[in-house]
Amino acid sequence: MIQPGQIYRSADPRGGPRIRIERFTAGHNHAWVVNAYDGARGRWVLVRNLHDSPDTKTGARRRTGYVLETGGGPEPGVDPDVQAFLTLHAPRITSTATVEPLETTTLHGRPITNLPAL
């Protein structure tokens, strides 16, 4: 289901723009999209060119159209442009490292918090 706020990437192997759905009315064959990173270059895109999967029904990789990258609409109370920016630039790496507790010392009677030595 196509919803405002969704971000699609180009399926073209040479690359292409990421787009964000701005407006879509169920039953229509076009969606109004803009560049996902800056909201510029608004244009109409045929709904048949927006795909949920990067693979065709025969299992081959798509080479045309756009593939869904992030689903769902914007979070309530968050500007859609800000949400798209955060989605695109969110860290893709998760860390399993643990951080040691901070060590507190004093200098002239005032507490100073030091980061653990590396």
C-alpha atoms as a PDB file:
ATOM      1  CA  MET A   1       0.000   0.000   0.000  1.00  0.00           C
ATOM      2  CA  ILE A   2       1.432   3.347  -1.025  1.00  0.00           C
ATOM      3  CA  GLN A   3       1.459   5.981   1.732  1.00  0.00           C
ATOM      4  CA  PRO A   4       2.826   9.510   2.041  1.00  0.00           C
ATOM      5  CA  GLY A   5       6.257   9.497   3.663  1.00  0.00           C
ATOM      6  CA  GLN A   6       7.450   6.252   2.084  1.00  0.00           C
ATOM      7  CA  ILE A   7      10.906   6.379   0.513  1.00  0.00           C
ATOM      8  CA  TYR A   8      11.782   4.484  -2.645  1.00  0.00           C
ATOM      9  CA  ARG A   9      15.189   3.955  -4.280  1.00  0.00           C
ATOM     10  CA  SER A  10      15.819   3.639  -7.989  1.00  0.00           C
ATOM     11  CA  ALA A  11      15.923   0.043  -9.244  1.00  0.00           C
ATOM     12  CA  ASP A  12      18.218   1.068 -12.114  1.00  0.00           C
ATOM     13  CA  PRO A  13      21.591  -0.702 -11.644  1.00  0.00           C
ATOM     14  CA  ARG A  14      23.364   2.532 -12.639  1.00  0.00           C
ATOM     15  CA  GLY A  15      21.777   4.266  -9.655  1.00  0.00           C
ATOM     16  CA  GLY A  16      19.298   7.075  -9.474  1.00  0.00           C
ATOM     17  CA  PRO A  17      17.469   9.320  -7.054  1.00  0.00           C
ATOM     18  CA  ARG A  18      15.678   8.281  -3.913  1.00  0.00           C
ATOM     19  CA  ILE A  19      12.137   9.613  -3.904  1.00  0.00           C
ATOM     20  CA  ARG A  20       9.592  10.282  -1.161  1.00  0.00           C
ATOM     21  CA  ILE A  21       5.850   9.980  -1.650  1.00  0.00           C
ATOM     22  CA  GLU A  22       4.243  13.344  -0.874  1.00  0.00           C
ATOM     23  CA  ARG A  23       0.666  12.754  -2.035  1.00  0.00           C
ATOM     24  CA  PHE A  24      -1.272   9.730  -3.144  1.00  0.00           C
ATOM     25  CA  THR A  25      -4.983   9.010  -3.419  1.00  0.00           C
ATOM     26  CA  ALA A  26      -6.026   5.364  -3.338  1.00  0.00           C
ATOM     27  CA  GLY A  27      -7.387   4.286  -6.705  1.00  0.00           C
ATOM     28  CA  HIS A  28      -5.361   6.823  -8.691  1.00  0.00           C
ATOM     29  CA  ASN A  29      -2.574   5.698 -11.004  1.00  0.00           C
ATOM     30  CA  HIS A  30      -0.103   8.482 -10.144  1.00  0.00           C
ATOM     31  CA  ALA A  31       1.672   9.580  -6.954  1.00  0.00           C
ATOM     32  CA  TRP A  32       3.281  12.991  -6.375  1.00  0.00           C
ATOM     33  CA  VAL A  33       6.923  12.464  -5.354  1.00  0.00           C
ATOM     34  CA  VAL A  34       9.917  14.640  -4.464  1.00  0.00           C
ATOM     35  CA  ASN A  35      13.618  13.952  -3.981  1.00  0.00           C
ATOM     36  CA  ALA A  36      13.916  12.242  -0.603  1.00  0.00           C
ATOM     37  CA  TYR A  37      16.987  14.129   0.600  1.00  0.00           C
ATOM     38  CA  ASP A  38      15.918  17.723  -0.054  1.00  0.00           C
ATOM     39  CA  GLY A  39      12.247  17.722  -1.072  1.00  0.00           C
ATOM     40  CA  ALA A  40      13.057  19.332  -4.431  1.00  0.00           C
ATOM     41  CA  ARG A  41      11.997  18.384  -7.965  1.00  0.00           C
ATOM     42  CA  GLY A  42       8.373  17.439  -7.438  1.00  0.00           C
ATOM     43  CA  ARG A  43       6.888  15.226 -10.145  1.00  0.00           C
ATOM     44  CA  TRP A  44       4.214  12.626 -10.877  1.00  0.00           C
ATOM     45  CA  VAL A  45       5.224   8.947 -10.982  1.00  0.00           C
ATOM     46  CA  LEU A  46       3.072   6.087 -12.215  1.00  0.00           C
ATOM     47  CA  VAL A  47       2.051   3.801  -9.355  1.00  0.00           C
ATOM     48  CA  ARG A  48       2.941   0.741 -11.463  1.00  0.00           C
ATOM     49  CA  ASN A  49       6.599   1.858 -11.224  1.00  0.00           C
ATOM     50  CA  LEU A  50       6.594   1.681  -7.391  1.00  0.00           C
ATOM     51  CA  HIS A  51       7.489  -1.812  -6.199  1.00  0.00           C
ATOM     52  CA  ASP A  52       7.545  -3.511  -2.776  1.00  0.00           C
ATOM     53  CA  SER A  53      10.288  -5.973  -3.728  1.00  0.00           C
ATOM     54  CA  PRO A  54      13.612  -5.559  -5.567  1.00  0.00           C
ATOM     55  CA  ASP A  55      12.900  -8.870  -7.344  1.00  0.00           C
ATOM     56  CA  THR A  56      10.370  -9.606 -10.084  1.00  0.00           C
ATOM     57  CA  LYS A  57       7.905 -12.466  -9.734  1.00  0.00           C
ATOM     58  CA  THR A  58      10.314 -14.644 -11.762  1.00  0.00           C
ATOM     59  CA  GLY A  59      13.139 -13.921  -9.292  1.00  0.00           C
ATOM     60  CA  ALA A  60      15.188 -11.563 -11.477  1.00  0.00           C
ATOM     61  CA  ARG A  61      16.384  -8.229 -10.071  1.00  0.00           C
ATOM     62  CA  ARG A  62      14.336  -5.227 -11.123  1.00  0.00           C
ATOM     63  CA  ARG A  63      16.072  -2.803 -13.467  1.00  0.00           C
ATOM     64  CA  THR A  64      13.344  -0.194 -13.827  1.00  0.00           C
ATOM     65  CA  GLY A  65      11.068   1.683 -11.489  1.00  0.00           C
ATOM     66  CA  TYR A  66      11.535   2.263  -7.779  1.00  0.00           C
ATOM     67  CA  VAL A  67      11.831  -0.182  -4.873  1.00  0.00           C
ATOM     68  CA  LEU A  68      10.399   0.501  -1.415  1.00  0.00           C
ATOM     69  CA  GLU A  69      13.164   1.377   1.028  1.00  0.00           C
ATOM     70  CA  THR A  70      11.243   2.552   4.094  1.00  0.00           C
ATOM     71  CA  GLY A  71       7.598   1.899   4.725  1.00  0.00           C
ATOM     72  CA  GLY A  72       4.927   3.741   6.617  1.00  0.00           C
ATOM     73  CA  GLY A  73       4.079   7.360   6.849  1.00  0.00           C
ATOM     74  CA  PRO A  74       5.875   9.995   8.885  1.00  0.00           C
ATOM     75  CA  GLU A  75       5.788   9.766  12.654  1.00  0.00           C
ATOM     76  CA  PRO A  76       3.029  11.835  14.242  1.00  0.00           C
ATOM     77  CA  GLY A  77       4.177  15.343  15.113  1.00  0.00           C
ATOM     78  CA  VAL A  78       7.363  15.107  13.010  1.00  0.00           C
ATOM     79  CA  ASP A  79       7.878  17.186   9.876  1.00  0.00           C
ATOM     80  CA  PRO A  80       7.962  14.755   6.889  1.00  0.00           C
ATOM     81  CA  ASP A  81      11.098  16.455   5.489  1.00  0.00           C
ATOM     82  CA  VAL A  82      12.903  15.989   8.803  1.00  0.00           C
ATOM     83  CA  GLN A  83      11.703  12.374   9.018  1.00  0.00           C
ATOM     84  CA  ALA A  84      12.983  11.615   5.502  1.00  0.00           C
ATOM     85  CA  PHE A  85      16.349  13.195   6.298  1.00  0.00           C
ATOM     86  CA  LEU A  86      16.707  11.204   9.513  1.00  0.00           C
ATOM     87  CA  THR A  87      15.674   7.998   7.771  1.00  0.00           C
ATOM     88  CA  LEU A  88      18.248   8.448   5.025  1.00  0.00           C
ATOM     89  CA  HIS A  89      21.065   9.487   7.317  1.00  0.00           C
ATOM     90  CA  ALA A  90      20.414   7.201  10.282  1.00  0.00           C
ATOM     91  CA  PRO A  91      23.428   5.143  11.296  1.00  0.00           C
ATOM     92  CA  ARG A  92      23.365   1.740   9.673  1.00  0.00           C
ATOM     93  CA  ILE A  93      25.815   0.225  12.184  1.00  0.00           C
ATOM     94  CA  THR A  94      24.806  -1.103  15.564  1.00  0.00           C
ATOM     95  CA  SER A  95      27.291  -1.475  18.364  1.00  0.00           C
ATOM     96  CA  THR A  96      27.467  -4.177  20.994  1.00  0.00           C
ATOM     97  CA  ALA A  97      30.253  -2.410  22.898  1.00  0.00           C
ATOM     98  CA  THR A  98      29.688  -1.526  26.524  1.00  0.00           C
ATOM     99  CA  VAL A  99      30.792   1.726  28.116  1.00  0.00           C
ATOM    100  CA  GLU A 100      32.466   1.698  31.506  1.00  0.00           C
ATOM    101  CA  PRO A 101      30.994   3.972  34.164  1.00  0.00           C
ATOM    102  CA  LEU A 102      32.480   7.437  34.361  1.00  0.00           C
ATOM    103  CA  GLU A 103      35.136   8.073  36.967  1.00  0.00           C
ATOM    104  CA  THR A 104      34.737  11.133  39.220  1.00  0.00           C
ATOM    105  CA  THR A 105      37.702  12.977  40.690  1.00  0.00           C
ATOM    106  CA  THR A 106      38.051  16.356  42.339  1.00  0.00           C
ATOM    107  CA  LEU A 107      40.216  19.354  41.573  1.00  0.00           C
ATOM    108  CA  HIS A 108      40.377  22.094  44.186  1.00  0.00           C
ATOM    109  CA  GLY A 109      37.380  20.510  45.877  1.00  0.00           C
ATOM    110  CA  ARG A 110      35.198  20.529  42.752  1.00  0.00           C
ATOM    111  CA  PRO A 111      34.114  17.271  41.102  1.00  0.00           C
ATOM    112  CA  ILE A 112      35.495  16.604  37.626  1.00  0.00           C
ATOM    113  CA  THR A 113      34.155  13.825  35.482  1.00  0.00           C
ATOM    114  CA  ASN A 114      36.733  12.078  33.327  1.00  0.00           C
ATOM    115  CA  LEU A 115      36.121   9.747  30.445  1.00  0.00           C
ATOM    116  CA  PRO A 116      37.711   6.320  30.821  1.00  0.00           C
ATOM    117  CA  ALA A 117      41.205   6.056  29.373  1.00  0.00           C
ATOM    118  CA  LEU A 118      41.419   4.479  25.953  1.00  0.00           C
END
